[in-house]
Amino acid sequence: MLLELKDINKSYFQGKQEMPVLKNVNFSVEEGEYVAIMGPSGPENQH
């Protein structure tokens, strides 16, 4: 295994409200595999 991530969590806040976007995510990449992480981009997404 080349890369392994376990129990990843990420939240953003909109005002005082917490917005979870990742909850207990597990992810692994084996040697020779390709990975792309895609999503919206722009100034409001850079935290």
C-alpha atoms as a PDB file:
ATOM      1  CA  MET A   1       0.000   0.000   0.000  1.00  0.00           C
ATOM      2  CA  LEU A   2       1.364   3.395  -0.988  1.00  0.00           C
ATOM      3  CA  LEU A   3      -1.024   5.663   0.956  1.00  0.00           C
ATOM      4  CA  GLU A   4      -3.696   5.037   3.573  1.00  0.00           C
ATOM      5  CA  LEU A   5      -5.963   7.592   5.281  1.00  0.00           C
ATOM      6  CA  LYS A   6      -8.254   6.570   8.153  1.00  0.00           C
ATOM      7  CA  ASP A   7     -11.169   8.273   9.900  1.00  0.00           C
ATOM      8  CA  ILE A   8     -10.862  11.596   8.028  1.00  0.00           C
ATOM      9  CA  ASN A   9     -13.304  14.308   9.123  1.00  0.00           C
ATOM     10  CA  LYS A  10     -13.798  17.827   7.734  1.00  0.00           C
ATOM     11  CA  SER A  11     -16.361  20.498   8.568  1.00  0.00           C
ATOM     12  CA  TYR A  12     -16.974  24.073   7.467  1.00  0.00           C
ATOM     13  CA  PHE A  13     -18.862  26.775   9.296  1.00  0.00           C
ATOM     14  CA  GLN A  14     -21.606  28.901   7.741  1.00  0.00           C
ATOM     15  CA  GLY A  15     -22.037  31.583  10.355  1.00  0.00           C
ATOM     16  CA  LYS A  16     -22.371  29.629  13.587  1.00  0.00           C
ATOM     17  CA  GLN A  17     -23.672  26.438  11.969  1.00  0.00           C
ATOM     18  CA  GLU A  18     -21.184  23.593  11.447  1.00  0.00           C
ATOM     19  CA  MET A  19     -21.516  21.827   8.087  1.00  0.00           C
ATOM     20  CA  PRO A  20     -19.822  18.381   8.044  1.00  0.00           C
ATOM     21  CA  VAL A  21     -18.572  17.427   4.580  1.00  0.00           C
ATOM     22  CA  LEU A  22     -16.452  14.361   5.369  1.00  0.00           C
ATOM     23  CA  LYS A  23     -17.295  11.989   8.211  1.00  0.00           C
ATOM     24  CA  ASN A  24     -15.080   9.002   9.115  1.00  0.00           C
ATOM     25  CA  VAL A  25     -13.757   8.564   5.549  1.00  0.00           C
ATOM     26  CA  ASN A  26     -11.234   5.772   4.908  1.00  0.00           C
ATOM     27  CA  PHE A  27      -9.168   5.782   1.737  1.00  0.00           C
ATOM     28  CA  SER A  28      -6.219   3.824   0.393  1.00  0.00           C
ATOM     29  CA  VAL A  29      -4.123   3.989  -2.767  1.00  0.00           C
ATOM     30  CA  GLU A  30      -2.118   1.050  -4.049  1.00  0.00           C
ATOM     31  CA  GLU A  31       1.126   1.399  -5.980  1.00  0.00           C
ATOM     32  CA  GLY A  32       0.407   2.054  -9.665  1.00  0.00           C
ATOM     33  CA  GLU A  33      -3.096   3.470  -9.073  1.00  0.00           C
ATOM     34  CA  TYR A  34      -4.072   6.988 -10.137  1.00  0.00           C
ATOM     35  CA  VAL A  35      -6.177   9.290  -7.974  1.00  0.00           C
ATOM     36  CA  ALA A  36      -7.990  12.541  -8.738  1.00  0.00           C
ATOM     37  CA  ILE A  37      -9.711  14.685  -6.121  1.00  0.00           C
ATOM     38  CA  MET A  38     -12.306  16.944  -7.688  1.00  0.00           C
ATOM     39  CA  GLY A  39     -14.723  19.534  -6.419  1.00  0.00           C
ATOM     40  CA  PRO A  40     -15.715  23.156  -6.675  1.00  0.00           C
ATOM     41  CA  SER A  41     -12.970  25.754  -6.569  1.00  0.00           C
ATOM     42  CA  GLY A  42     -12.954  29.465  -5.998  1.00  0.00           C
ATOM     43  CA  PRO A  43     -12.286  32.044  -3.296  1.00  0.00           C
ATOM     44  CA  GLU A  44     -15.143  30.937  -1.043  1.00  0.00           C
ATOM     45  CA  ASN A  45     -13.801  27.338  -0.996  1.00  0.00           C
ATOM     46  CA  GLN A  46     -10.265  28.182   0.136  1.00  0.00           C
ATOM     47  CA  HIS A  47     -10.237  27.670   3.917  1.00  0.00           C
END
